[in-house]
Protein backbone atom coordinates (compact mmCIF):
# COMPACT_ATOMS: atom_id res chain seq x y z
CA MET A 1 -6.54 0.30 1.73
CA THR A 2 -8.57 -1.32 4.47
CA GLN A 3 -12.20 -1.47 5.30
CA SER A 4 -13.81 1.44 7.12
CA GLY A 5 -16.65 1.67 9.57
CA PRO A 6 -19.80 3.62 8.88
CA GLU A 7 -19.37 6.70 11.07
CA VAL A 8 -17.78 9.95 9.95
CA GLY A 9 -14.97 11.87 11.65
CA LEU A 10 -11.73 11.25 13.48
CA GLN A 11 -13.27 10.32 16.88
CA PRO A 12 -9.91 9.42 18.51
CA ASP A 13 -11.59 8.44 21.78
CA LYS A 14 -13.81 5.83 20.12
CA PRO A 15 -12.43 2.61 18.62
CA ASN A 16 -12.56 2.61 14.84
CA ALA A 17 -12.77 -0.62 12.85
CA ALA A 18 -10.40 0.57 10.12
CA ARG A 19 -7.81 1.80 12.62
CA MET A 20 -8.09 -1.46 14.57
CA PHE A 21 -7.37 -3.31 11.33
CA ASP A 22 -4.39 -1.03 10.81
CA TYR A 23 -3.14 -2.00 14.29
CA TYR A 24 -3.48 -5.71 13.50
CA LEU A 25 -1.26 -5.10 10.47
CA GLY A 26 1.34 -3.30 12.58
CA GLY A 27 0.47 0.14 11.20
CA LYS A 28 0.72 3.53 12.91
CA ASP A 29 -2.61 5.10 11.88
CA ASN A 30 -4.36 4.28 15.15
CA PHE A 31 -5.05 5.78 18.56
CA ALA A 32 -5.02 4.51 22.14
CA ALA A 33 -8.74 3.64 22.03
CA ASP A 34 -8.21 1.59 18.86
CA ARG A 35 -5.24 -0.24 20.35
CA ALA A 36 -7.13 -0.99 23.57
CA ALA A 37 -10.10 -2.45 21.70
CA ALA A 38 -7.83 -4.38 19.34
CA GLU A 39 -5.95 -5.86 22.29
CA MET A 40 -9.29 -7.03 23.72
CA VAL A 41 -9.97 -8.80 20.44
CA LEU A 42 -6.50 -10.32 20.48
CA GLN A 43 -7.16 -11.80 23.90
CA VAL A 44 -9.93 -13.95 22.42
CA ALA A 45 -8.59 -14.16 18.85
CA PRO A 46 -4.78 -14.01 18.91
CA TRP A 47 -4.76 -15.06 15.25
CA MET A 48 -6.29 -11.72 14.14
CA PRO A 49 -2.98 -10.25 12.83
CA GLU A 50 -2.51 -13.39 10.74
CA ALA A 51 -6.09 -13.05 9.48
CA ALA A 52 -5.40 -9.42 8.57
CA ARG A 53 -2.26 -10.41 6.65
CA GLN A 54 -4.11 -13.20 4.88
CA GLY A 55 -6.81 -10.67 4.07
CA ARG A 56 -4.32 -8.38 2.37
CA ASP A 57 -2.94 -11.32 0.42
CA LEU A 58 -6.48 -12.28 -0.55
CA ILE A 59 -7.14 -8.81 -1.94
CA ALA A 60 -3.86 -8.81 -3.87
CA ARG A 61 -4.46 -12.21 -5.42
CA THR A 62 -8.07 -11.37 -6.24
CA VAL A 63 -7.08 -8.15 -8.01
CA ARG A 64 -4.36 -9.95 -9.96
CA HIS A 65 -6.87 -12.63 -10.93
CA LEU A 66 -9.36 -10.04 -12.17
CA VAL A 67 -6.88 -7.86 -14.06
CA GLU A 68 -4.48 -10.46 -15.42
CA GLU A 69 -6.77 -13.44 -15.97
CA LYS A 70 -10.15 -11.79 -16.60
CA GLY A 71 -9.06 -8.61 -18.38
CA VAL A 72 -10.74 -6.19 -15.95
CA ARG A 73 -9.76 -2.57 -16.62
CA GLN A 74 -12.14 -0.76 -14.24
CA ILE A 75 -12.27 -1.34 -10.47
CA LEU A 76 -14.66 0.20 -7.94
CA ASP A 77 -13.37 -0.49 -4.42
CA LEU A 78 -16.17 0.09 -1.91
CA GLY A 79 -15.33 0.72 1.74
CA SER A 80 -11.62 0.97 0.94
CA GLY A 81 -10.60 2.63 4.22
CA LEU A 82 -7.09 3.64 5.22
CA PRO A 83 -4.24 3.19 2.73
CA THR A 84 -1.88 0.36 3.57
CA ARG A 85 0.72 -1.76 1.80
CA ASP A 86 -0.03 -3.06 -1.69
CA ASN A 87 -3.16 -1.06 -2.35
CA VAL A 88 -5.52 -2.16 -5.11
CA HIS A 89 -4.26 0.32 -7.70
CA GLU A 90 -0.64 -0.61 -7.05
CA ILE A 91 -1.39 -4.28 -7.65
CA ALA A 92 -3.44 -3.55 -10.77
CA HIS A 93 -0.93 -1.11 -12.24
CA ARG A 94 1.91 -3.59 -12.06
CA ILE A 95 -0.06 -5.48 -14.71
CA ASP A 96 -1.53 -2.55 -16.63
CA PRO A 97 -0.94 1.09 -15.58
CA ASP A 98 -4.08 2.16 -17.45
CA VAL A 99 -6.48 0.25 -15.18
CA ARG A 100 -8.88 2.78 -13.66
CA VAL A 101 -9.44 2.43 -9.92
CA VAL A 102 -11.89 4.39 -7.77
CA TYR A 103 -11.75 4.07 -4.01
CA VAL A 104 -14.96 4.87 -2.15
CA ASP A 105 -15.16 5.47 1.58
CA LYS A 106 -17.36 7.51 3.90
CA ASP A 107 -14.61 8.34 6.38
CA PRO A 108 -13.09 11.77 5.55
CA VAL A 109 -9.84 10.82 7.28
CA ALA A 110 -9.40 7.72 5.12
CA CYS A 111 -10.20 9.77 2.03
CA ALA A 112 -7.69 12.47 2.99
CA HIS A 113 -4.97 9.85 3.45
CA GLY A 114 -5.88 8.30 0.10
CA ARG A 115 -5.84 11.59 -1.79
CA ALA A 116 -2.43 12.46 -0.36
CA LEU A 117 -1.10 9.10 -1.50
CA LEU A 118 -2.59 9.47 -4.97
CA ALA A 119 -1.91 13.15 -5.60
CA ASP A 120 -0.03 12.48 -8.84
CA SER A 121 -2.07 9.59 -10.17
CA LYS A 122 -4.31 10.15 -13.17
CA ALA A 123 -5.87 6.68 -13.27
CA VAL A 124 -6.95 6.57 -9.62
CA SER A 125 -9.59 8.52 -7.71
CA VAL A 126 -10.75 8.69 -4.10
CA VAL A 127 -14.40 9.54 -3.52
CA GLN A 128 -16.00 10.27 -0.18
CA ALA A 129 -19.39 8.52 -0.21
CA ASP A 130 -21.30 5.95 1.82
CA LEU A 131 -21.45 2.50 0.24
CA ARG A 132 -24.69 1.91 2.14
CA ASN A 133 -26.28 4.48 -0.16
CA PRO A 134 -25.68 2.89 -3.57
CA ASP A 135 -27.64 5.54 -5.45
CA GLN A 136 -25.34 8.22 -4.04
CA VAL A 137 -22.30 6.20 -5.09
CA LEU A 138 -23.53 5.22 -8.53
CA ASP A 139 -24.66 8.76 -9.37
CA HIS A 140 -21.55 10.47 -8.00
CA PRO A 141 -20.06 12.70 -10.73
CA GLU A 142 -16.44 11.81 -9.91
CA ILE A 143 -17.23 8.12 -10.20
CA GLY A 144 -19.12 8.71 -13.43
CA ALA A 145 -16.12 10.56 -14.84
CA ALA A 146 -13.77 7.67 -14.04
CA ILE A 147 -15.89 4.53 -14.39
CA ASP A 148 -18.03 3.61 -17.40
CA LEU A 149 -20.88 1.54 -15.95
CA GLY A 150 -21.89 0.63 -19.49
CA SER A 151 -18.75 -1.52 -19.72
CA PRO A 152 -17.57 -4.33 -17.43
CA VAL A 153 -16.44 -3.25 -13.96
CA ALA A 154 -15.06 -5.17 -11.00
CA VAL A 155 -16.71 -4.13 -7.74
CA LEU A 156 -14.73 -5.02 -4.64
CA MET A 157 -16.48 -5.37 -1.28
CA MET A 158 -13.63 -6.85 0.70
CA PHE A 159 -14.04 -7.25 4.48
CA VAL A 160 -16.69 -4.53 4.62
CA LEU A 161 -20.16 -6.14 4.49
CA HIS A 162 -19.71 -7.67 7.93
CA LEU A 163 -19.62 -4.06 9.18
CA VAL A 164 -23.16 -3.47 7.86
CA PRO A 165 -25.89 -4.73 10.23
CA ASP A 166 -28.97 -6.60 9.07
CA ASP A 167 -31.31 -3.70 9.89
CA GLN A 168 -29.61 -1.68 7.13
CA ASP A 169 -30.51 -4.39 4.59
CA PRO A 170 -27.10 -5.24 3.14
CA GLN A 171 -28.72 -7.65 0.66
CA ARG A 172 -30.66 -4.78 -0.91
CA ILE A 173 -27.53 -2.62 -0.96
CA VAL A 174 -25.48 -5.22 -2.82
CA ALA A 175 -28.35 -6.02 -5.18
CA THR A 176 -28.52 -2.36 -6.21
CA TYR A 177 -24.86 -2.43 -7.20
CA ARG A 178 -25.30 -5.73 -9.05
CA ASP A 179 -28.25 -4.38 -11.03
CA ALA A 180 -26.26 -1.32 -12.13
CA LEU A 181 -23.38 -3.32 -13.60
CA ALA A 182 -22.96 -4.25 -17.24
CA PRO A 183 -22.83 -7.91 -18.30
CA GLY A 184 -19.31 -9.26 -17.90
CA SER A 185 -18.79 -7.32 -14.68
CA TYR A 186 -17.49 -8.95 -11.52
CA LEU A 187 -18.34 -8.80 -7.83
CA ALA A 188 -15.59 -9.80 -5.41
CA LEU A 189 -16.29 -9.95 -1.71
CA SER A 190 -14.98 -11.41 1.50
CA HIS A 191 -16.90 -11.77 4.74
CA ALA A 192 -16.43 -13.04 8.29
CA SER A 193 -18.18 -16.32 9.07
CA THR A 194 -20.24 -17.68 11.96
CA ASP A 195 -20.13 -21.28 10.74
CA VAL A 196 -16.97 -22.61 12.39
CA HIS A 197 -16.44 -20.55 15.56
CA PRO A 198 -19.86 -19.05 16.44
CA GLU A 199 -19.14 -18.45 20.13
CA LEU A 200 -15.79 -16.83 19.38
CA MET A 201 -17.34 -14.60 16.73
CA ALA A 202 -20.02 -13.55 19.21
CA ARG A 203 -17.32 -12.46 21.65
CA ILE A 204 -15.57 -10.46 18.94
CA SER A 205 -18.90 -8.87 17.94
CA ALA A 206 -19.44 -7.76 21.55
CA ILE A 207 -16.10 -5.92 21.52
CA TYR A 208 -16.83 -4.24 18.18
CA ALA A 209 -20.18 -3.08 19.55
CA ARG A 210 -18.16 -0.48 21.48
CA ALA A 211 -16.45 0.72 18.30
CA ASN A 212 -17.67 2.92 15.44
CA SER A 213 -19.27 -0.01 13.64
CA PRO A 214 -20.79 -3.40 14.39
CA PHE A 215 -19.21 -6.71 13.48
CA VAL A 216 -21.76 -9.05 11.92
CA PRO A 217 -20.30 -12.35 10.72
CA ARG A 218 -22.69 -14.40 8.60
CA SER A 219 -23.24 -17.98 7.45
CA HIS A 220 -22.18 -19.44 4.11
CA ALA A 221 -25.81 -19.35 2.95
CA ASP A 222 -26.21 -15.68 3.86
CA VAL A 223 -22.97 -14.66 2.18
CA SER A 224 -23.91 -16.65 -0.93
CA GLU A 225 -27.05 -14.52 -1.33
CA PHE A 226 -24.95 -11.40 -1.92
CA PHE A 227 -24.03 -12.73 -5.35
CA GLY A 228 -27.63 -13.02 -6.56
CA ASP A 229 -27.68 -14.50 -10.08
CA PHE A 230 -23.99 -13.78 -10.71
CA VAL A 231 -22.01 -16.90 -11.58
CA LEU A 232 -19.30 -17.76 -9.08
CA GLU A 233 -15.84 -18.32 -10.48
CA PRO A 234 -14.07 -21.53 -9.44
CA PRO A 235 -13.55 -22.54 -6.68
CA GLY A 236 -16.81 -20.84 -5.63
CA LEU A 237 -17.53 -19.27 -2.25
CA VAL A 238 -14.78 -20.75 -0.14
CA ASN A 239 -12.82 -20.10 3.02
CA MET A 240 -10.68 -17.00 2.84
CA TRP A 241 -7.71 -18.20 0.90
CA PRO A 242 -6.66 -16.32 -2.18
CA TYR A 243 -7.30 -17.06 -5.84
CA PRO A 244 -6.64 -19.18 -7.75
CA GLU A 245 -5.79 -21.67 -4.99
CA PRO A 246 -4.47 -21.50 -1.43
CA PRO A 247 -0.76 -20.77 -1.15
CA ALA A 248 1.45 -23.10 0.86
CA THR A 249 1.71 -20.54 3.67
CA VAL A 250 -2.02 -20.22 4.35
CA ASP A 251 -3.23 -21.06 7.86
CA ALA A 252 -6.32 -23.17 7.15
CA ASP A 253 -7.80 -22.62 10.63
CA VAL A 254 -7.62 -18.85 10.21
CA ALA A 255 -9.01 -19.16 6.68
CA ARG A 256 -12.09 -20.89 8.08
CA THR A 257 -13.07 -17.71 9.93
CA GLY A 258 -14.46 -16.24 6.72
CA TYR A 259 -15.52 -16.69 3.12
CA SER A 260 -14.45 -15.15 -0.16
CA GLY A 261 -15.65 -15.37 -3.72
CA VAL A 262 -15.61 -13.75 -7.14
CA ALA A 263 -18.65 -13.88 -9.41
CA ARG A 264 -19.40 -12.71 -12.95
CA LYS A 265 -22.55 -11.08 -14.24
CA PRO A 266 -23.90 -13.18 -17.16
């Protein structure tokens, strides 16, 4: 599933960040307004489809790392968005079909797609809630029924925090989730960067300003703060190549457009 913007509803005449991402991946869950905005982005960042593909690979490798190497058996995927290829539960269940996965998204359309996909799954849930309201998410009865916050959990915030503007205090939002997790839990996140191509990122942000969500890339220092006192797993907060090390096919220039990391709560 892919990241979703903060507004609710179909809104076919307004570009939607999740549907634009779907277009970059060659999907069909998008409208003319999404395609038009995405094509504007592609004019300044023709590598965006490659970045989207690398992003999916990053998620897959991160989930495999957490489930296979770290023994994670509970995953809370925040801002999961529209279903796509190799969703988190599919990756996890190839290793252990009993891994519990809860997808959380505010967009009712994304949630409807997810529920249709998961109609027969007992270990996976889709919850409509706003990740920007962590108390609502953490206290949600469906999440409480599926996820035991008293035991280690992996929280995924993949390609979603750069859709939350500074005036909504994303640092406080993430800190609330961190504080609610049991020791031994993990936080995995990926985030667009301003460090290498600041002017290009500013042009992309201007295009997303017309969509249903902003696009707020941040510096390495700012992204590092999201982890608080969690201990980063090797190789630390690095450019967006997957764990445990970059595959031979990674485009290093595209990878430098963002950061990714996995950290453990002591």
